[in-house]
Amino acid sequence: MKTTMATIVLLILATVMVAQVTDADGWNGAKWGMTQAQVKAAIQLPLERETYFFKAGTPRYLLSSTEPFKLLDIPVRATFSFSTDNKLASILVRVDTVFLKSTHSHSDLFSRLKQSLTDEYGKPSYTDDNGRNVVWRLPSTSISLQWTTLGGDAFIGVTYNADKKAT
């Protein structure tokens, strides 16, 4: 009886441990809901503030990396977007345009980023028909890896979006 009970407890614990879902509550030290000043303090990159107008003259703010930095030995740039109440709401990490225009294989870059995200967050929740838009849905974050080509120019980037409840 004790052996049966111990076995059941071990099975339940193993199931609970496997069922735990990895989450991302931001990226690289920047957490959902942080202010611009908090993001600048958390990120070890030079960031520049940009202003744009979303609706009816309401200013919205971005913090963008001023220089490319390496992610998986790939030069990337980051843009941190803030909600109307100036809280961190999304982050775009995109492969630097200059690097994409060189002779590097876009397919290889995309595959490396996809594998890295899969290693960290598990199997994607969604992949489109051509495999160029891959999404991971986590408890507080949605992560989207995209590869698009428009007018001969390529874009490869990872977007982290906070769940509305997270901000």
N, C-alpha and C. Protein backbone atom coordinates (compact mmCIF):
# COMPACT_ATOMS: atom_id res chain seq x y z
N MET A 1 0.82 -1.20 0.00
CA MET A 1 0.00 0.00 0.00
C MET A 1 0.87 1.27 0.00
N LYS A 2 1.90 1.29 0.86
CA LYS A 2 2.79 2.45 0.91
C LYS A 2 3.53 2.61 -0.40
N THR A 3 3.94 1.50 -1.01
CA THR A 3 4.65 1.54 -2.29
C THR A 3 3.75 2.09 -3.38
N THR A 4 2.48 1.67 -3.37
CA THR A 4 1.52 2.16 -4.36
C THR A 4 1.30 3.65 -4.19
N MET A 5 1.15 4.09 -2.95
CA MET A 5 0.92 5.50 -2.67
C MET A 5 2.15 6.33 -3.09
N ALA A 6 3.34 5.86 -2.80
CA ALA A 6 4.56 6.56 -3.18
C ALA A 6 4.68 6.65 -4.70
N THR A 7 4.31 5.59 -5.39
CA THR A 7 4.34 5.59 -6.85
C THR A 7 3.37 6.60 -7.42
N ILE A 8 2.18 6.67 -6.86
CA ILE A 8 1.18 7.64 -7.32
C ILE A 8 1.67 9.06 -7.11
N VAL A 9 2.25 9.33 -5.94
CA VAL A 9 2.77 10.67 -5.65
C VAL A 9 3.88 11.03 -6.63
N LEU A 10 4.77 10.10 -6.90
CA LEU A 10 5.85 10.37 -7.86
C LEU A 10 5.32 10.63 -9.26
N LEU A 11 4.30 9.89 -9.68
CA LEU A 11 3.70 10.12 -11.00
C LEU A 11 3.04 11.50 -11.07
N ILE A 12 2.36 11.88 -10.02
CA ILE A 12 1.71 13.20 -9.99
C ILE A 12 2.77 14.30 -10.05
N LEU A 13 3.83 14.18 -9.26
CA LEU A 13 4.90 15.18 -9.28
C LEU A 13 5.55 15.26 -10.65
N ALA A 14 5.79 14.14 -11.27
CA ALA A 14 6.40 14.15 -12.61
C ALA A 14 5.50 14.83 -13.61
N THR A 15 4.19 14.58 -13.52
CA THR A 15 3.22 15.20 -14.42
C THR A 15 3.19 16.71 -14.21
N VAL A 16 3.18 17.14 -12.98
CA VAL A 16 3.15 18.58 -12.68
C VAL A 16 4.41 19.25 -13.20
N MET A 17 5.56 18.62 -13.02
CA MET A 17 6.82 19.20 -13.48
C MET A 17 6.85 19.31 -14.99
N VAL A 18 6.33 18.33 -15.71
CA VAL A 18 6.31 18.37 -17.17
C VAL A 18 5.29 19.39 -17.65
N ALA A 19 4.19 19.55 -16.93
CA ALA A 19 3.11 20.44 -17.35
C ALA A 19 3.47 21.91 -17.20
N GLN A 20 4.50 22.22 -16.40
CA GLN A 20 4.86 23.62 -16.24
C GLN A 20 5.31 24.20 -17.57
N VAL A 21 4.75 25.35 -17.92
CA VAL A 21 5.05 25.98 -19.19
C VAL A 21 6.09 27.07 -18.97
N THR A 22 7.10 27.06 -19.81
CA THR A 22 8.09 28.13 -19.76
C THR A 22 7.41 29.43 -20.16
N ASP A 23 7.83 30.51 -19.56
CA ASP A 23 7.25 31.81 -19.89
C ASP A 23 8.36 32.82 -20.11
N ALA A 24 8.02 33.88 -20.78
CA ALA A 24 8.91 35.02 -20.95
C ALA A 24 8.15 36.23 -20.44
N ASP A 25 8.69 36.92 -19.48
CA ASP A 25 8.01 38.10 -18.95
C ASP A 25 8.68 39.37 -19.44
N GLY A 26 9.20 39.29 -20.66
CA GLY A 26 9.92 40.39 -21.28
C GLY A 26 11.08 39.80 -22.08
N TRP A 27 12.17 40.56 -22.17
CA TRP A 27 13.33 40.09 -22.92
C TRP A 27 14.60 40.76 -22.41
N ASN A 28 15.62 39.98 -22.18
CA ASN A 28 16.96 40.47 -21.88
C ASN A 28 17.02 41.46 -20.71
N GLY A 29 16.24 41.20 -19.68
CA GLY A 29 16.24 42.07 -18.51
C GLY A 29 15.11 43.09 -18.49
N ALA A 30 14.52 43.39 -19.63
CA ALA A 30 13.38 44.31 -19.70
C ALA A 30 12.11 43.50 -19.44
N LYS A 31 11.32 43.91 -18.47
CA LYS A 31 10.12 43.17 -18.07
C LYS A 31 8.87 43.98 -18.43
N TRP A 32 7.80 43.24 -18.71
CA TRP A 32 6.54 43.90 -19.06
C TRP A 32 6.13 44.86 -17.96
N GLY A 33 5.66 46.02 -18.36
CA GLY A 33 5.18 47.03 -17.42
C GLY A 33 6.25 48.00 -16.95
N MET A 34 7.51 47.78 -17.31
CA MET A 34 8.57 48.72 -16.91
C MET A 34 8.38 50.07 -17.61
N THR A 35 8.86 51.11 -16.98
CA THR A 35 8.86 52.44 -17.59
C THR A 35 10.09 52.55 -18.50
N GLN A 36 10.16 53.63 -19.26
CA GLN A 36 11.32 53.85 -20.13
C GLN A 36 12.61 53.91 -19.32
N ALA A 37 12.58 54.61 -18.20
CA ALA A 37 13.78 54.73 -17.36
C ALA A 37 14.20 53.36 -16.82
N GLN A 38 13.24 52.53 -16.45
CA GLN A 38 13.56 51.20 -15.94
C GLN A 38 14.15 50.32 -17.04
N VAL A 39 13.62 50.43 -18.26
CA VAL A 39 14.15 49.65 -19.37
C VAL A 39 15.58 50.09 -19.67
N LYS A 40 15.82 51.39 -19.70
CA LYS A 40 17.18 51.90 -19.96
C LYS A 40 18.15 51.38 -18.91
N ALA A 41 17.72 51.30 -17.66
CA ALA A 41 18.59 50.81 -16.59
C ALA A 41 18.81 49.30 -16.69
N ALA A 42 17.82 48.56 -17.19
CA ALA A 42 17.91 47.10 -17.25
C ALA A 42 18.68 46.60 -18.47
N ILE A 43 18.64 47.35 -19.56
CA ILE A 43 19.26 46.93 -20.81
C ILE A 43 20.66 47.51 -20.90
N GLN A 44 21.61 46.67 -21.18
CA GLN A 44 23.00 47.12 -21.26
C GLN A 44 23.37 47.50 -22.69
N LEU A 45 22.52 48.29 -23.32
CA LEU A 45 22.73 48.75 -24.69
C LEU A 45 22.48 50.25 -24.74
N PRO A 46 23.16 50.96 -25.64
CA PRO A 46 22.81 52.37 -25.83
C PRO A 46 21.45 52.44 -26.54
N LEU A 47 20.51 53.16 -25.93
CA LEU A 47 19.15 53.27 -26.47
C LEU A 47 18.81 54.73 -26.74
N GLU A 48 18.06 54.93 -27.80
CA GLU A 48 17.62 56.27 -28.20
C GLU A 48 16.10 56.30 -28.18
N ARG A 49 15.54 57.37 -27.61
CA ARG A 49 14.09 57.51 -27.53
C ARG A 49 13.56 58.09 -28.82
N GLU A 50 12.47 57.52 -29.32
CA GLU A 50 11.77 58.02 -30.50
C GLU A 50 10.31 58.24 -30.14
N THR A 51 9.71 59.23 -30.77
CA THR A 51 8.30 59.52 -30.55
C THR A 51 7.56 59.36 -31.86
N TYR A 52 6.39 58.76 -31.79
CA TYR A 52 5.51 58.71 -32.96
C TYR A 52 4.09 58.94 -32.48
N PHE A 53 3.20 59.23 -33.40
CA PHE A 53 1.82 59.52 -33.04
C PHE A 53 0.92 58.43 -33.60
N PHE A 54 0.23 57.74 -32.70
CA PHE A 54 -0.58 56.59 -33.07
C PHE A 54 -1.99 57.00 -33.47
N LYS A 55 -2.70 57.68 -32.60
CA LYS A 55 -4.07 58.11 -32.87
C LYS A 55 -4.26 59.55 -32.40
N ALA A 56 -4.88 60.33 -33.22
CA ALA A 56 -5.31 61.68 -32.87
C ALA A 56 -4.30 62.46 -32.04
N GLY A 57 -3.06 62.42 -32.47
CA GLY A 57 -2.05 63.23 -31.82
C GLY A 57 -1.54 62.70 -30.49
N THR A 58 -1.93 61.48 -30.10
CA THR A 58 -1.45 60.91 -28.85
C THR A 58 -0.03 60.38 -29.06
N PRO A 59 0.94 60.93 -28.33
CA PRO A 59 2.32 60.47 -28.53
C PRO A 59 2.54 59.08 -27.95
N ARG A 60 3.32 58.27 -28.65
CA ARG A 60 3.75 56.95 -28.19
C ARG A 60 5.27 56.96 -28.28
N TYR A 61 5.89 56.13 -27.46
CA TYR A 61 7.34 56.17 -27.38
C TYR A 61 7.98 54.81 -27.66
N LEU A 62 9.16 54.88 -28.24
CA LEU A 62 10.00 53.72 -28.51
C LEU A 62 11.38 54.00 -27.95
N LEU A 63 12.05 52.95 -27.55
CA LEU A 63 13.48 53.02 -27.27
C LEU A 63 14.12 52.06 -28.25
N SER A 64 15.08 52.54 -29.04
CA SER A 64 15.73 51.71 -30.05
C SER A 64 17.22 51.66 -29.79
N SER A 65 17.81 50.49 -30.03
CA SER A 65 19.26 50.37 -29.88
C SER A 65 19.92 51.19 -30.99
N THR A 66 20.94 51.93 -30.62
CA THR A 66 21.59 52.82 -31.59
C THR A 66 22.63 52.09 -32.42
N GLU A 67 23.11 50.97 -31.93
CA GLU A 67 24.12 50.17 -32.64
C GLU A 67 23.68 48.72 -32.65
N PRO A 68 24.05 47.97 -33.68
CA PRO A 68 23.74 46.54 -33.66
C PRO A 68 24.54 45.83 -32.56
N PHE A 69 23.97 44.75 -32.05
CA PHE A 69 24.65 43.90 -31.08
C PHE A 69 24.45 42.46 -31.51
N LYS A 70 25.17 41.53 -30.92
CA LYS A 70 25.15 40.14 -31.37
C LYS A 70 24.15 39.30 -30.58
N LEU A 71 23.38 38.51 -31.31
CA LEU A 71 22.50 37.50 -30.76
C LEU A 71 22.73 36.25 -31.60
N LEU A 72 23.23 35.18 -31.01
CA LEU A 72 23.62 33.97 -31.76
C LEU A 72 24.64 34.32 -32.84
N ASP A 73 25.52 35.25 -32.55
CA ASP A 73 26.53 35.73 -33.50
C ASP A 73 25.92 36.41 -34.73
N ILE A 74 24.69 36.85 -34.60
CA ILE A 74 23.99 37.56 -35.68
C ILE A 74 23.81 39.00 -35.21
N PRO A 75 24.21 40.01 -36.01
CA PRO A 75 23.97 41.39 -35.60
C PRO A 75 22.48 41.74 -35.67
N VAL A 76 21.96 42.20 -34.54
CA VAL A 76 20.54 42.54 -34.43
C VAL A 76 20.40 43.93 -33.80
N ARG A 77 19.21 44.46 -33.91
CA ARG A 77 18.83 45.71 -33.23
C ARG A 77 17.54 45.46 -32.48
N ALA A 78 17.33 46.19 -31.41
CA ALA A 78 16.13 46.01 -30.59
C ALA A 78 15.34 47.30 -30.52
N THR A 79 14.02 47.17 -30.53
CA THR A 79 13.12 48.30 -30.34
C THR A 79 12.12 47.94 -29.25
N PHE A 80 12.03 48.79 -28.24
CA PHE A 80 11.12 48.59 -27.11
C PHE A 80 9.95 49.56 -27.27
N SER A 81 8.73 49.03 -27.32
CA SER A 81 7.54 49.86 -27.52
C SER A 81 6.75 49.96 -26.21
N PHE A 82 6.18 51.14 -26.00
CA PHE A 82 5.47 51.41 -24.76
C PHE A 82 4.00 51.69 -25.02
N SER A 83 3.16 51.30 -24.08
CA SER A 83 1.72 51.53 -24.17
C SER A 83 1.40 53.00 -23.94
N THR A 84 0.13 53.36 -24.04
CA THR A 84 -0.27 54.76 -23.85
C THR A 84 0.02 55.24 -22.43
N ASP A 85 0.10 54.32 -21.47
CA ASP A 85 0.45 54.73 -20.10
C ASP A 85 1.95 54.56 -19.84
N ASN A 86 2.73 54.49 -20.94
CA ASN A 86 4.20 54.46 -20.90
C ASN A 86 4.78 53.26 -20.16
N LYS A 87 4.15 52.11 -20.33
CA LYS A 87 4.65 50.85 -19.78
C LYS A 87 5.11 49.96 -20.94
N LEU A 88 6.19 49.21 -20.75
CA LEU A 88 6.72 48.34 -21.79
C LEU A 88 5.65 47.32 -22.21
N ALA A 89 5.36 47.29 -23.52
CA ALA A 89 4.30 46.42 -24.04
C ALA A 89 4.79 45.44 -25.10
N SER A 90 5.84 45.79 -25.85
CA SER A 90 6.36 44.86 -26.86
C SER A 90 7.82 45.18 -27.17
N ILE A 91 8.47 44.15 -27.70
CA ILE A 91 9.89 44.28 -28.04
C ILE A 91 10.10 43.61 -29.39
N LEU A 92 10.78 44.30 -30.29
CA LEU A 92 11.14 43.74 -31.58
C LEU A 92 12.65 43.61 -31.64
N VAL A 93 13.12 42.40 -31.90
CA VAL A 93 14.54 42.14 -32.11
C VAL A 93 14.66 41.71 -33.56
N ARG A 94 15.30 42.56 -34.39
CA ARG A 94 15.36 42.26 -35.82
C ARG A 94 16.81 42.15 -36.28
N VAL A 95 17.02 41.28 -37.25
CA VAL A 95 18.35 41.13 -37.82
C VAL A 95 18.68 42.45 -38.52
N ASP A 96 19.89 42.95 -38.28
CA ASP A 96 20.32 44.22 -38.86
C ASP A 96 20.22 44.19 -40.38
N THR A 97 19.64 45.23 -40.96
CA THR A 97 19.40 45.32 -42.40
C THR A 97 20.67 45.15 -43.22
N VAL A 98 21.76 45.75 -42.78
CA VAL A 98 23.03 45.65 -43.50
C VAL A 98 23.46 44.19 -43.60
N PHE A 99 23.28 43.44 -42.51
CA PHE A 99 23.66 42.02 -42.49
C PHE A 99 22.78 41.22 -43.44
N LEU A 100 21.49 41.54 -43.51
CA LEU A 100 20.58 40.83 -44.41
C LEU A 100 20.90 41.07 -45.87
N LYS A 101 21.48 42.25 -46.18
CA LYS A 101 21.80 42.58 -47.57
C LYS A 101 23.09 41.92 -48.03
N SER A 102 23.84 41.35 -47.08
CA SER A 102 25.08 40.67 -47.48
C SER A 102 24.72 39.28 -48.01
N THR A 103 25.69 38.47 -48.21
CA THR A 103 25.48 37.18 -48.88
C THR A 103 25.05 36.07 -47.93
N HIS A 104 24.67 36.38 -46.74
CA HIS A 104 24.27 35.35 -45.77
C HIS A 104 22.94 34.72 -46.18
N SER A 105 22.80 33.44 -45.86
CA SER A 105 21.57 32.71 -46.16
C SER A 105 20.47 33.13 -45.20
N HIS A 106 19.40 33.69 -45.73
CA HIS A 106 18.27 34.07 -44.90
C HIS A 106 17.65 32.83 -44.26
N SER A 107 17.60 31.75 -45.01
CA SER A 107 17.03 30.51 -44.51
C SER A 107 17.81 30.00 -43.30
N ASP A 108 19.12 30.08 -43.36
CA ASP A 108 19.96 29.64 -42.24
C ASP A 108 19.75 30.53 -41.02
N LEU A 109 19.71 31.83 -41.22
CA LEU A 109 19.48 32.76 -40.11
C LEU A 109 18.14 32.48 -39.44
N PHE A 110 17.09 32.32 -40.24
CA PHE A 110 15.76 32.05 -39.72
C PHE A 110 15.75 30.73 -38.95
N SER A 111 16.37 29.71 -39.51
CA SER A 111 16.41 28.39 -38.86
C SER A 111 17.14 28.45 -37.52
N ARG A 112 18.23 29.19 -37.46
CA ARG A 112 18.97 29.33 -36.20
C ARG A 112 18.14 30.03 -35.13
N LEU A 113 17.45 31.09 -35.52
CA LEU A 113 16.59 31.79 -34.56
C LEU A 113 15.44 30.89 -34.11
N LYS A 114 14.82 30.20 -35.04
CA LYS A 114 13.71 29.30 -34.71
C LYS A 114 14.17 28.20 -33.76
N GLN A 115 15.32 27.61 -34.03
CA GLN A 115 15.82 26.54 -33.16
C GLN A 115 16.11 27.07 -31.76
N SER A 116 16.69 28.25 -31.66
CA SER A 116 16.98 28.85 -30.37
C SER A 116 15.70 29.08 -29.56
N LEU A 117 14.68 29.62 -30.22
CA LEU A 117 13.40 29.86 -29.54
C LEU A 117 12.73 28.54 -29.15
N THR A 118 12.81 27.55 -30.02
CA THR A 118 12.23 26.24 -29.72
C THR A 118 12.95 25.60 -28.54
N ASP A 119 14.27 25.71 -28.50
CA ASP A 119 15.04 25.17 -27.38
C ASP A 119 14.61 25.83 -26.07
N GLU A 120 14.33 27.13 -26.12
CA GLU A 120 13.98 27.86 -24.91
C GLU A 120 12.51 27.72 -24.51
N TYR A 121 11.59 27.74 -25.50
CA TYR A 121 10.16 27.80 -25.18
C TYR A 121 9.36 26.58 -25.63
N GLY A 122 10.01 25.62 -26.23
CA GLY A 122 9.31 24.41 -26.66
C GLY A 122 8.75 24.55 -28.06
N LYS A 123 7.96 23.57 -28.43
CA LYS A 123 7.37 23.52 -29.76
C LYS A 123 6.48 24.74 -30.00
N PRO A 124 6.57 25.35 -31.20
CA PRO A 124 5.72 26.51 -31.49
C PRO A 124 4.23 26.15 -31.44
N SER A 125 3.42 27.15 -31.13
CA SER A 125 1.97 26.98 -31.11
C SER A 125 1.38 27.06 -32.50
N TYR A 126 2.07 27.75 -33.40
CA TYR A 126 1.54 27.97 -34.75
C TYR A 126 2.71 28.19 -35.71
N THR A 127 2.58 27.61 -36.89
CA THR A 127 3.50 27.88 -38.00
C THR A 127 2.66 28.03 -39.25
N ASP A 128 2.85 29.12 -40.01
CA ASP A 128 2.05 29.31 -41.22
C ASP A 128 2.46 28.31 -42.30
N ASP A 129 1.71 28.30 -43.40
CA ASP A 129 1.92 27.30 -44.46
C ASP A 129 3.31 27.32 -45.06
N ASN A 130 3.90 28.50 -45.20
CA ASN A 130 5.24 28.54 -45.80
C ASN A 130 6.36 28.51 -44.76
N GLY A 131 5.99 28.42 -43.48
CA GLY A 131 6.99 28.29 -42.42
C GLY A 131 7.75 29.55 -42.09
N ARG A 132 7.28 30.69 -42.56
CA ARG A 132 8.00 31.95 -42.32
C ARG A 132 7.39 32.81 -41.23
N ASN A 133 6.35 32.33 -40.59
CA ASN A 133 5.76 33.00 -39.44
C ASN A 133 5.50 31.92 -38.39
N VAL A 134 6.23 31.98 -37.31
CA VAL A 134 6.16 30.97 -36.27
C VAL A 134 5.83 31.68 -34.96
N VAL A 135 4.87 31.11 -34.20
CA VAL A 135 4.39 31.76 -32.99
C VAL A 135 4.46 30.80 -31.80
N TRP A 136 4.93 31.35 -30.66
CA TRP A 136 4.89 30.65 -29.38
C TRP A 136 3.95 31.45 -28.50
N ARG A 137 2.93 30.80 -27.94
CA ARG A 137 2.01 31.47 -27.01
C ARG A 137 2.32 30.97 -25.60
N LEU A 138 2.76 31.88 -24.77
CA LEU A 138 3.15 31.57 -23.40
C LEU A 138 2.16 32.25 -22.46
N PRO A 139 2.20 31.93 -21.17
CA PRO A 139 1.22 32.52 -20.25
C PRO A 139 1.13 34.05 -20.25
N SER A 140 2.28 34.75 -20.32
CA SER A 140 2.21 36.22 -20.28
C SER A 140 2.76 36.88 -21.54
N THR A 141 3.16 36.08 -22.53
CA THR A 141 3.83 36.62 -23.69
C THR A 141 3.51 35.81 -24.94
N SER A 142 3.40 36.52 -26.05
CA SER A 142 3.32 35.88 -27.36
C SER A 142 4.60 36.25 -28.10
N ILE A 143 5.26 35.23 -28.66
CA ILE A 143 6.52 35.45 -29.38
C ILE A 143 6.29 35.06 -30.83
N SER A 144 6.64 35.96 -31.75
CA SER A 144 6.46 35.71 -33.17
C SER A 144 7.77 35.89 -33.90
N LEU A 145 8.19 34.86 -34.62
CA LEU A 145 9.37 34.92 -35.47
C LEU A 145 8.89 35.05 -36.90
N GLN A 146 9.34 36.09 -37.60
CA GLN A 146 8.88 36.35 -38.97
C GLN A 146 10.04 36.51 -39.93
N TRP A 147 9.79 36.06 -41.16
CA TRP A 147 10.73 36.26 -42.26
C TRP A 147 9.89 36.69 -43.45
N THR A 148 10.06 37.91 -43.88
CA THR A 148 9.31 38.42 -45.03
C THR A 148 10.28 39.07 -46.01
N THR A 149 9.85 39.10 -47.25
CA THR A 149 10.60 39.79 -48.29
C THR A 149 9.63 40.71 -49.00
N LEU A 150 10.01 41.97 -49.13
CA LEU A 150 9.16 42.96 -49.77
C LEU A 150 10.03 43.81 -50.68
N GLY A 151 9.74 43.80 -51.96
CA GLY A 151 10.49 44.61 -52.91
C GLY A 151 11.97 44.27 -52.95
N GLY A 152 12.30 43.02 -52.72
CA GLY A 152 13.69 42.61 -52.74
C GLY A 152 14.40 42.77 -51.40
N ASP A 153 13.79 43.47 -50.45
CA ASP A 153 14.39 43.62 -49.12
C ASP A 153 13.82 42.57 -48.18
N ALA A 154 14.67 42.00 -47.36
CA ALA A 154 14.26 40.98 -46.42
C ALA A 154 14.14 41.57 -45.02
N PHE A 155 13.26 40.96 -44.22
CA PHE A 155 13.10 41.29 -42.81
C PHE A 155 13.04 39.97 -42.05
N ILE A 156 13.87 39.83 -41.04
CA ILE A 156 13.79 38.70 -40.12
C ILE A 156 13.82 39.29 -38.72
N GLY A 157 12.79 38.97 -37.94
CA GLY A 157 12.73 39.52 -36.60
C GLY A 157 11.90 38.68 -35.66
N VAL A 158 12.12 38.91 -34.38
CA VAL A 158 11.36 38.25 -33.32
C VAL A 158 10.64 39.34 -32.55
N THR A 159 9.33 39.20 -32.43
CA THR A 159 8.54 40.16 -31.67
C THR A 159 8.01 39.49 -30.41
N TYR A 160 8.26 40.13 -29.28
CA TYR A 160 7.73 39.69 -27.99
C TYR A 160 6.60 40.66 -27.64
N ASN A 161 5.39 40.14 -27.46
CA ASN A 161 4.25 40.98 -27.08
C ASN A 161 3.73 40.55 -25.73
N ALA A 162 3.52 41.53 -24.85
CA ALA A 162 2.96 41.24 -23.54
C ALA A 162 1.49 40.89 -23.67
N ASP A 163 1.06 39.92 -22.91
CA ASP A 163 -0.36 39.63 -22.77
C ASP A 163 -0.97 40.86 -22.10
N LYS A 164 -2.18 41.22 -22.47
CA LYS A 164 -2.81 42.44 -21.92
C LYS A 164 -2.80 42.44 -20.40
N LYS A 165 -2.91 41.27 -19.76
CA LYS A 165 -2.93 41.18 -18.31
C LYS A 165 -1.56 41.46 -17.72
N ALA A 166 -0.49 41.27 -18.51
CA ALA A 166 0.87 41.43 -17.99
C ALA A 166 1.28 42.90 -17.83
N THR A 167 0.63 43.79 -18.58
CA THR A 167 1.02 45.21 -18.49
C THR A 167 0.07 45.94 -17.65
